[in-house]
Amino acid sequence: MVGPRRPQFVLFGSSIVQKSFGNGGWGAILADTYARKADIVMRGYGGWNSRNALQVLDKIFPKDAAVQPSLVITYFGGNDSMKPIPAELSPHVPLPEFIENMKKIATHLKSLSEKTRVIFLGVPPANDEMIIQLYGERAARSNEGARIYSEATLKLCQELEVKAIDLWTIMQQKNDWLTTCFTDGVHLASEGSKIVAKEIMRALEEAEWEPSLYWKLMPSEFVGISPFDSEGNGTIINSKM
């Protein structure tokens, strides 16, 4: 652990999270925006569903940790929503179980500390045509499946008073979303990630949290040490010049 200690934002989820630091990803956008303000920590696991997440929840977020995260941004549902296929490794999770799993995840995260804030990302839409082109007619993913699991996530968050972002609806408001938002019909291209980052920023700006986790309202680290600091105010602290 390097110091001084900063607020910690944890990104927790499946491949949408794991890939968020590459390719102009939304995790990288957050890390850039919060430079000198918060540490963005990625805990993303490609191919995982909500069932897998529950298996390691206590290990990733132990309740007895000396320091708890200030924010956890959570995403599961894309793999859960895949159609059941006759294979032992199918990531599909039936909707009732998915809802119960996400409820347990939300409850655990909210219990970490009074200052730990939680945001759930709803399932993004999918480009059915691109998926079929890449994976064939038997592709197990669909935009309709994404809608069903997205709506379930949003409804649960409303019941639990957890902030949620409706990516399924928001992304489809972009006129060219089908051709610009995905790399393979599911995973996000840079344009898709820009939308995710923008909506996370909007949620953080609108949240009435104390202290605020919106980047413009958070202090920067070591401001004033150097007169050449782009975030400084022209004052030199502890200078021997």
C-alpha atoms as a PDB file:
ATOM      1  CA  MET A   1       0.000   0.000   0.000  1.00  0.00           C
ATOM      2  CA  VAL A   2       1.504   3.318  -1.074  1.00  0.00           C
ATOM      3  CA  GLY A   3       0.527   6.507   0.688  1.00  0.00           C
ATOM      4  CA  PRO A   4      -1.072   8.787   1.324  1.00  0.00           C
ATOM      5  CA  ARG A   5      -4.312   6.859   1.400  1.00  0.00           C
ATOM      6  CA  ARG A   6      -6.929   7.987  -1.106  1.00  0.00           C
ATOM      7  CA  PRO A   7     -10.619   7.114  -1.404  1.00  0.00           C
ATOM      8  CA  GLN A   8     -10.926   3.779  -3.170  1.00  0.00           C
ATOM      9  CA  PHE A   9     -13.411   3.144  -5.975  1.00  0.00           C
ATOM     10  CA  VAL A  10     -13.790  -0.565  -6.796  1.00  0.00           C
ATOM     11  CA  LEU A  11     -15.157  -1.763 -10.137  1.00  0.00           C
ATOM     12  CA  PHE A  12     -16.628  -5.224  -9.567  1.00  0.00           C
ATOM     13  CA  GLY A  13     -18.114  -7.426 -12.255  1.00  0.00           C
ATOM     14  CA  SER A  14     -17.627  -9.616 -15.298  1.00  0.00           C
ATOM     15  CA  SER A  15     -15.850  -8.909 -18.598  1.00  0.00           C
ATOM     16  CA  ILE A  16     -17.504  -5.497 -19.032  1.00  0.00           C
ATOM     17  CA  VAL A  17     -15.444  -4.584 -15.954  1.00  0.00           C
ATOM     18  CA  GLN A  18     -12.346  -6.648 -16.751  1.00  0.00           C
ATOM     19  CA  LYS A  19     -11.993  -4.981 -20.143  1.00  0.00           C
ATOM     20  CA  SER A  20     -12.771  -1.500 -18.854  1.00  0.00           C
ATOM     21  CA  PHE A  21      -9.133  -0.406 -18.638  1.00  0.00           C
ATOM     22  CA  GLY A  22      -8.340  -1.164 -22.288  1.00  0.00           C
ATOM     23  CA  ASN A  23      -9.413   0.255 -25.619  1.00  0.00           C
ATOM     24  CA  GLY A  24     -10.481   3.651 -24.255  1.00  0.00           C
ATOM     25  CA  GLY A  25     -12.537   1.829 -21.641  1.00  0.00           C
ATOM     26  CA  TRP A  26     -14.759   3.425 -19.024  1.00  0.00           C
ATOM     27  CA  GLY A  27     -12.529   2.256 -16.180  1.00  0.00           C
ATOM     28  CA  ALA A  28      -9.576   4.009 -17.789  1.00  0.00           C
ATOM     29  CA  ILE A  29     -11.678   7.164 -18.207  1.00  0.00           C
ATOM     30  CA  LEU A  30     -12.535   7.093 -14.505  1.00  0.00           C
ATOM     31  CA  ALA A  31      -8.900   6.500 -13.534  1.00  0.00           C
ATOM     32  CA  ASP A  32      -7.816   9.464 -15.649  1.00  0.00           C
ATOM     33  CA  THR A  33     -10.557  11.729 -14.312  1.00  0.00           C
ATOM     34  CA  TYR A  34      -9.868  10.823 -10.678  1.00  0.00           C
ATOM     35  CA  ALA A  35      -6.078  11.056 -10.903  1.00  0.00           C
ATOM     36  CA  ARG A  36      -4.801  12.532  -7.594  1.00  0.00           C
ATOM     37  CA  LYS A  37      -8.287  12.209  -6.110  1.00  0.00           C
ATOM     38  CA  ALA A  38      -9.174   8.494  -5.796  1.00  0.00           C
ATOM     39  CA  ASP A  39      -7.711   5.096  -6.611  1.00  0.00           C
ATOM     40  CA  ILE A  40      -9.741   3.137  -9.160  1.00  0.00           C
ATOM     41  CA  VAL A  41      -9.388  -0.574  -8.401  1.00  0.00           C
ATOM     42  CA  MET A  42     -10.526  -3.166 -10.923  1.00  0.00           C
ATOM     43  CA  ARG A  43     -11.965  -6.499  -9.834  1.00  0.00           C
ATOM     44  CA  GLY A  44     -13.327  -7.801 -13.107  1.00  0.00           C
ATOM     45  CA  TYR A  45     -13.693 -11.470 -14.046  1.00  0.00           C
ATOM     46  CA  GLY A  46     -14.527 -12.386 -17.636  1.00  0.00           C
ATOM     47  CA  GLY A  47     -17.247 -15.003 -18.063  1.00  0.00           C
ATOM     48  CA  TRP A  48     -18.547 -14.685 -14.514  1.00  0.00           C
ATOM     49  CA  ASN A  49     -22.175 -14.516 -13.479  1.00  0.00           C
ATOM     50  CA  SER A  50     -23.858 -13.432 -10.237  1.00  0.00           C
ATOM     51  CA  ARG A  51     -23.527 -16.962  -8.870  1.00  0.00           C
ATOM     52  CA  ASN A  52     -19.733 -16.821  -9.237  1.00  0.00           C
ATOM     53  CA  ALA A  53     -19.660 -13.385  -7.622  1.00  0.00           C
ATOM     54  CA  LEU A  54     -21.373 -14.658  -4.489  1.00  0.00           C
ATOM     55  CA  GLN A  55     -18.767 -17.390  -4.096  1.00  0.00           C
ATOM     56  CA  VAL A  56     -15.965 -14.868  -3.568  1.00  0.00           C
ATOM     57  CA  LEU A  57     -17.837 -11.824  -2.268  1.00  0.00           C
ATOM     58  CA  ASP A  58     -16.417 -12.136   1.260  1.00  0.00           C
ATOM     59  CA  LYS A  59     -12.892 -12.543  -0.104  1.00  0.00           C
ATOM     60  CA  ILE A  60     -13.025  -9.478  -2.327  1.00  0.00           C
ATOM     61  CA  PHE A  61     -14.939  -7.359   0.183  1.00  0.00           C
ATOM     62  CA  PRO A  62     -14.166  -8.682   3.685  1.00  0.00           C
ATOM     63  CA  LYS A  63     -16.268  -6.991   6.338  1.00  0.00           C
ATOM     64  CA  ASP A  64     -13.332  -6.838   8.754  1.00  0.00           C
ATOM     65  CA  ALA A  65     -11.013  -4.989   6.367  1.00  0.00           C
ATOM     66  CA  ALA A  66      -9.156  -2.091   7.988  1.00  0.00           C
ATOM     67  CA  VAL A  67     -10.214   0.219   5.169  1.00  0.00           C
ATOM     68  CA  GLN A  68     -13.428  -0.105   3.185  1.00  0.00           C
ATOM     69  CA  PRO A  69     -14.006   1.292  -0.315  1.00  0.00           C
ATOM     70  CA  SER A  70     -15.720   4.635  -0.707  1.00  0.00           C
ATOM     71  CA  LEU A  71     -17.560   3.425  -3.813  1.00  0.00           C
ATOM     72  CA  VAL A  72     -18.311   0.067  -5.422  1.00  0.00           C
ATOM     73  CA  ILE A  73     -19.589   0.055  -9.010  1.00  0.00           C
ATOM     74  CA  THR A  74     -21.055  -3.376  -9.697  1.00  0.00           C
ATOM     75  CA  TYR A  75     -22.024  -5.072 -12.950  1.00  0.00           C
ATOM     76  CA  PHE A  76     -23.411  -8.565 -13.478  1.00  0.00           C
ATOM     77  CA  GLY A  77     -26.223  -9.807 -15.675  1.00  0.00           C
ATOM     78  CA  GLY A  78     -24.877 -10.101 -19.195  1.00  0.00           C
ATOM     79  CA  ASN A  79     -23.721 -13.680 -18.711  1.00  0.00           C
ATOM     80  CA  ASP A  80     -26.632 -14.539 -16.420  1.00  0.00           C
ATOM     81  CA  SER A  81     -29.027 -13.488 -19.202  1.00  0.00           C
ATOM     82  CA  MET A  82     -27.589 -15.872 -21.792  1.00  0.00           C
ATOM     83  CA  LYS A  83     -29.960 -18.547 -23.002  1.00  0.00           C
ATOM     84  CA  PRO A  84     -29.592 -21.924 -21.278  1.00  0.00           C
ATOM     85  CA  ILE A  85     -27.549 -24.288 -23.390  1.00  0.00           C
ATOM     86  CA  PRO A  86     -26.953 -28.027 -22.844  1.00  0.00           C
ATOM     87  CA  ALA A  87     -23.524 -27.594 -21.332  1.00  0.00           C
ATOM     88  CA  GLU A  88     -22.204 -27.813 -17.796  1.00  0.00           C
ATOM     89  CA  LEU A  89     -20.338 -24.543 -18.211  1.00  0.00           C
ATOM     90  CA  SER A  90     -23.327 -22.486 -19.336  1.00  0.00           C
ATOM     91  CA  PRO A  91     -23.202 -19.139 -17.492  1.00  0.00           C
ATOM     92  CA  HIS A  92     -27.004 -18.770 -17.568  1.00  0.00           C
ATOM     93  CA  VAL A  93     -28.637 -18.045 -14.219  1.00  0.00           C
ATOM     94  CA  PRO A  94     -32.458 -18.196 -14.003  1.00  0.00           C
ATOM     95  CA  LEU A  95     -34.006 -14.781 -13.425  1.00  0.00           C
ATOM     96  CA  PRO A  96     -35.348 -15.435  -9.872  1.00  0.00           C
ATOM     97  CA  GLU A  97     -31.942 -16.702  -8.744  1.00  0.00           C
ATOM     98  CA  PHE A  98     -30.204 -13.762 -10.440  1.00  0.00           C
ATOM     99  CA  ILE A  99     -32.413 -11.303  -8.562  1.00  0.00           C
ATOM    100  CA  GLU A 100     -31.725 -13.037  -5.249  1.00  0.00           C
ATOM    101  CA  ASN A 101     -27.985 -13.120  -5.950  1.00  0.00           C
ATOM    102  CA  MET A 102     -27.886  -9.427  -6.769  1.00  0.00           C
ATOM    103  CA  LYS A 103     -29.870  -8.665  -3.636  1.00  0.00           C
ATOM    104  CA  LYS A 104     -27.286 -10.499  -1.530  1.00  0.00           C
ATOM    105  CA  ILE A 105     -24.443  -8.664  -3.292  1.00  0.00           C
ATOM    106  CA  ALA A 106     -26.064  -5.272  -2.737  1.00  0.00           C
ATOM    107  CA  THR A 107     -26.817  -6.024   0.917  1.00  0.00           C
ATOM    108  CA  HIS A 108     -23.248  -7.137   1.569  1.00  0.00           C
ATOM    109  CA  LEU A 109     -21.702  -4.094  -0.109  1.00  0.00           C
ATOM    110  CA  LYS A 110     -23.976  -1.668   1.712  1.00  0.00           C
ATOM    111  CA  SER A 111     -23.015  -3.272   5.031  1.00  0.00           C
ATOM    112  CA  LEU A 112     -19.272  -2.700   4.594  1.00  0.00           C
ATOM    113  CA  SER A 113     -19.411   0.742   6.189  1.00  0.00           C
ATOM    114  CA  GLU A 114     -21.679   3.739   6.596  1.00  0.00           C
ATOM    115  CA  LYS A 115     -19.590   5.597   4.015  1.00  0.00           C
ATOM    116  CA  THR A 116     -19.440   2.875   1.359  1.00  0.00           C
ATOM    117  CA  ARG A 117     -21.594   3.925  -1.599  1.00  0.00           C
ATOM    118  CA  VAL A 118     -22.893   1.507  -4.228  1.00  0.00           C
ATOM    119  CA  ILE A 119     -23.873   1.914  -7.869  1.00  0.00           C
ATOM    120  CA  PHE A 120     -25.209  -0.952  -9.991  1.00  0.00           C
ATOM    121  CA  LEU A 121     -24.871  -0.886 -13.764  1.00  0.00           C
ATOM    122  CA  GLY A 122     -27.842  -2.345 -15.605  1.00  0.00           C
ATOM    123  CA  VAL A 123     -27.172  -4.765 -18.452  1.00  0.00           C
ATOM    124  CA  PRO A 124     -26.207  -2.878 -21.624  1.00  0.00           C
ATOM    125  CA  PRO A 125     -28.053  -3.615 -24.877  1.00  0.00           C
ATOM    126  CA  ALA A 126     -26.648  -6.068 -27.395  1.00  0.00           C
ATOM    127  CA  ASN A 127     -26.319  -5.973 -31.174  1.00  0.00           C
ATOM    128  CA  ASP A 128     -28.069  -9.186 -32.208  1.00  0.00           C
ATOM    129  CA  GLU A 129     -26.909  -8.999 -35.836  1.00  0.00           C
ATOM    130  CA  MET A 130     -23.255  -8.564 -34.901  1.00  0.00           C
ATOM    131  CA  ILE A 131     -23.477 -11.404 -32.388  1.00  0.00           C
ATOM    132  CA  ILE A 132     -24.930 -13.771 -34.992  1.00  0.00           C
ATOM    133  CA  GLN A 133     -22.292 -12.746 -37.520  1.00  0.00           C
ATOM    134  CA  LEU A 134     -19.503 -13.548 -35.090  1.00  0.00           C
ATOM    135  CA  TYR A 135     -20.947 -16.482 -33.148  1.00  0.00           C
ATOM    136  CA  GLY A 136     -23.533 -18.012 -35.463  1.00  0.00           C
ATOM    137  CA  GLU A 137     -27.285 -18.531 -35.384  1.00  0.00           C
ATOM    138  CA  ARG A 138     -27.077 -20.455 -32.130  1.00  0.00           C
ATOM    139  CA  ALA A 139     -25.611 -17.522 -30.242  1.00  0.00           C
ATOM    140  CA  ALA A 140     -26.916 -17.571 -26.681  1.00  0.00           C
ATOM    141  CA  ARG A 141     -26.991 -13.784 -26.196  1.00  0.00           C
ATOM    142  CA  SER A 142     -29.720 -11.389 -27.283  1.00  0.00           C
ATOM    143  CA  ASN A 143     -30.847  -7.822 -26.770  1.00  0.00           C
ATOM    144  CA  GLU A 144     -34.162  -9.090 -25.432  1.00  0.00           C
ATOM    145  CA  GLY A 145     -32.407 -11.160 -22.794  1.00  0.00           C
ATOM    146  CA  ALA A 146     -30.373  -8.107 -21.828  1.00  0.00           C
ATOM    147  CA  ARG A 147     -33.581  -6.078 -21.460  1.00  0.00           C
ATOM    148  CA  ILE A 148     -35.203  -8.587 -19.130  1.00  0.00           C
ATOM    149  CA  TYR A 149     -32.215  -8.805 -16.788  1.00  0.00           C
ATOM    150  CA  SER A 150     -31.622  -5.061 -16.958  1.00  0.00           C
ATOM    151  CA  GLU A 151     -35.190  -4.316 -15.885  1.00  0.00           C
ATOM    152  CA  ALA A 152     -34.889  -6.823 -13.050  1.00  0.00           C
ATOM    153  CA  THR A 153     -31.702  -5.109 -11.850  1.00  0.00           C
ATOM    154  CA  LEU A 154     -33.282  -1.662 -11.939  1.00  0.00           C
ATOM    155  CA  LYS A 155     -36.387  -2.805 -10.089  1.00  0.00           C
ATOM    156  CA  LEU A 156     -34.317  -4.469  -7.373  1.00  0.00           C
ATOM    157  CA  CYS A 157     -32.164  -1.366  -6.942  1.00  0.00           C
ATOM    158  CA  GLN A 158     -35.260   0.761  -6.545  1.00  0.00           C
ATOM    159  CA  GLU A 159     -36.506  -1.550  -3.803  1.00  0.00           C
ATOM    160  CA  LEU A 160     -33.134  -1.542  -2.032  1.00  0.00           C
ATOM    161  CA  GLU A 161     -32.513   2.191  -2.531  1.00  0.00           C
ATOM    162  CA  VAL A 162     -29.329   1.510  -4.477  1.00  0.00           C
ATOM    163  CA  LYS A 163     -28.305   3.836  -7.280  1.00  0.00           C
ATOM    164  CA  ALA A 164     -28.608   2.176 -10.694  1.00  0.00           C
ATOM    165  CA  ILE A 165     -27.795   3.226 -14.252  1.00  0.00           C
ATOM    166  CA  ASP A 166     -30.113   2.084 -17.029  1.00  0.00           C
ATOM    167  CA  LEU A 167     -27.511   1.414 -19.718  1.00  0.00           C
ATOM    168  CA  TRP A 168     -29.946  -0.631 -21.809  1.00  0.00           C
ATOM    169  CA  THR A 169     -32.138   2.416 -22.418  1.00  0.00           C
ATOM    170  CA  ILE A 170     -29.485   5.133 -22.398  1.00  0.00           C
ATOM    171  CA  MET A 171     -27.161   3.525 -24.935  1.00  0.00           C
ATOM    172  CA  GLN A 172     -29.977   2.949 -27.409  1.00  0.00           C
ATOM    173  CA  GLN A 173     -30.716   6.677 -27.409  1.00  0.00           C
ATOM    174  CA  LYS A 174     -27.534   7.134 -29.424  1.00  0.00           C
ATOM    175  CA  ASN A 175     -28.554   7.087 -33.094  1.00  0.00           C
ATOM    176  CA  ASP A 176     -25.659   4.920 -34.269  1.00  0.00           C
ATOM    177  CA  TRP A 177     -25.389   2.730 -31.157  1.00  0.00           C
ATOM    178  CA  LEU A 178     -25.567  -0.485 -33.172  1.00  0.00           C
ATOM    179  CA  THR A 179     -22.469   0.341 -35.190  1.00  0.00           C
ATOM    180  CA  THR A 180     -20.341   2.325 -32.732  1.00  0.00           C
ATOM    181  CA  CYS A 181     -20.832   0.961 -29.205  1.00  0.00           C
ATOM    182  CA  PHE A 182     -19.539  -2.623 -29.471  1.00  0.00           C
ATOM    183  CA  THR A 183     -16.522  -4.628 -30.501  1.00  0.00           C
ATOM    184  CA  ASP A 184     -18.445  -7.885 -30.910  1.00  0.00           C
ATOM    185  CA  GLY A 185     -22.071  -7.039 -30.231  1.00  0.00           C
ATOM    186  CA  VAL A 186     -21.620  -7.423 -26.474  1.00  0.00           C
ATOM    187  CA  HIS A 187     -18.367  -5.914 -25.216  1.00  0.00           C
ATOM    188  CA  LEU A 188     -17.951  -2.174 -25.351  1.00  0.00           C
ATOM    189  CA  ALA A 189     -15.973  -0.178 -27.868  1.00  0.00           C
ATOM    190  CA  SER A 190     -14.654   3.230 -26.846  1.00  0.00           C
ATOM    191  CA  GLU A 191     -17.915   4.951 -27.832  1.00  0.00           C
ATOM    192  CA  GLY A 192     -19.898   2.623 -25.606  1.00  0.00           C
ATOM    193  CA  SER A 193     -17.459   3.167 -22.751  1.00  0.00           C
ATOM    194  CA  LYS A 194     -17.774   6.936 -23.085  1.00  0.00           C
ATOM    195  CA  ILE A 195     -21.501   6.595 -22.432  1.00  0.00           C
ATOM    196  CA  VAL A 196     -20.909   4.428 -19.367  1.00  0.00           C
ATOM    197  CA  ALA A 197     -18.344   6.842 -17.930  1.00  0.00           C
ATOM    198  CA  LYS A 198     -20.579   9.848 -18.635  1.00  0.00           C
ATOM    199  CA  GLU A 199     -23.544   8.256 -16.846  1.00  0.00           C
ATOM    200  CA  ILE A 200     -21.419   7.257 -13.849  1.00  0.00           C
ATOM    201  CA  MET A 201     -20.195  10.858 -13.617  1.00  0.00           C
ATOM    202  CA  ARG A 202     -23.755  12.100 -13.841  1.00  0.00           C
ATOM    203  CA  ALA A 203     -24.850   9.757 -11.051  1.00  0.00           C
ATOM    204  CA  LEU A 204     -21.980  10.867  -8.826  1.00  0.00           C
ATOM    205  CA  GLU A 205     -22.695  14.540  -9.467  1.00  0.00           C
ATOM    206  CA  GLU A 206     -26.393  14.133  -8.659  1.00  0.00           C
ATOM    207  CA  ALA A 207     -25.892  11.964  -5.573  1.00  0.00           C
ATOM    208  CA  GLU A 208     -26.478  13.770  -2.296  1.00  0.00           C
ATOM    209  CA  TRP A 209     -23.638  11.970  -0.575  1.00  0.00           C
ATOM    210  CA  GLU A 210     -21.429  13.366   2.155  1.00  0.00           C
ATOM    211  CA  PRO A 211     -18.637  13.583   1.357  1.00  0.00           C
ATOM    212  CA  SER A 212     -19.291  14.019  -2.346  1.00  0.00           C
ATOM    213  CA  LEU A 213     -17.601  11.534  -4.692  1.00  0.00           C
ATOM    214  CA  TYR A 214     -17.960  13.782  -7.726  1.00  0.00           C
ATOM    215  CA  TRP A 215     -14.493  14.526  -9.026  1.00  0.00           C
ATOM    216  CA  LYS A 216     -14.834  18.310  -9.182  1.00  0.00           C
ATOM    217  CA  LEU A 217     -15.748  18.428  -5.499  1.00  0.00           C
ATOM    218  CA  MET A 218     -12.968  16.150  -4.272  1.00  0.00           C
ATOM    219  CA  PRO A 219      -9.566  17.508  -3.200  1.00  0.00           C
ATOM    220  CA  SER A 220      -6.484  16.790  -5.273  1.00  0.00           C
ATOM    221  CA  GLU A 221      -3.394  15.371  -3.636  1.00  0.00           C
ATOM    222  CA  PHE A 222      -0.349  17.540  -2.820  1.00  0.00           C
ATOM    223  CA  VAL A 223      -1.655  20.685  -4.464  1.00  0.00           C
ATOM    224  CA  GLY A 224       0.781  23.587  -3.990  1.00  0.00           C
ATOM    225  CA  ILE A 225       3.986  21.579  -3.683  1.00  0.00           C
ATOM    226  CA  SER A 226       5.207  22.649  -7.116  1.00  0.00           C
ATOM    227  CA  PRO A 227       4.696  25.983  -8.872  1.00  0.00           C
ATOM    228  CA  PHE A 228       4.426  24.049 -12.131  1.00  0.00           C
ATOM    229  CA  ASP A 229       1.515  21.920 -10.913  1.00  0.00           C
ATOM    230  CA  SER A 230      -1.436  22.202 -13.307  1.00  0.00           C
ATOM    231  CA  GLU A 231      -3.798  21.787 -10.337  1.00  0.00           C
ATOM    232  CA  GLY A 232      -1.966  24.232  -8.114  1.00  0.00           C
ATOM    233  CA  ASN A 233      -2.928  27.770  -7.222  1.00  0.00           C
ATOM    234  CA  GLY A 234       0.480  29.365  -7.533  1.00  0.00           C
ATOM    235  CA  THR A 235       1.374  28.879  -3.867  1.00  0.00           C
ATOM    236  CA  ILE A 236       4.547  26.982  -3.062  1.00  0.00           C
ATOM    237  CA  ILE A 237       4.345  24.943   0.126  1.00  0.00           C
ATOM    238  CA  ASN A 238       7.447  23.906   2.104  1.00  0.00           C
ATOM    239  CA  SER A 239       9.667  25.393  -0.566  1.00  0.00           C
ATOM    240  CA  LYS A 240      13.272  26.273   0.224  1.00  0.00           C
ATOM    241  CA  MET A 241      13.657  28.387  -2.916  1.00  0.00           C
END
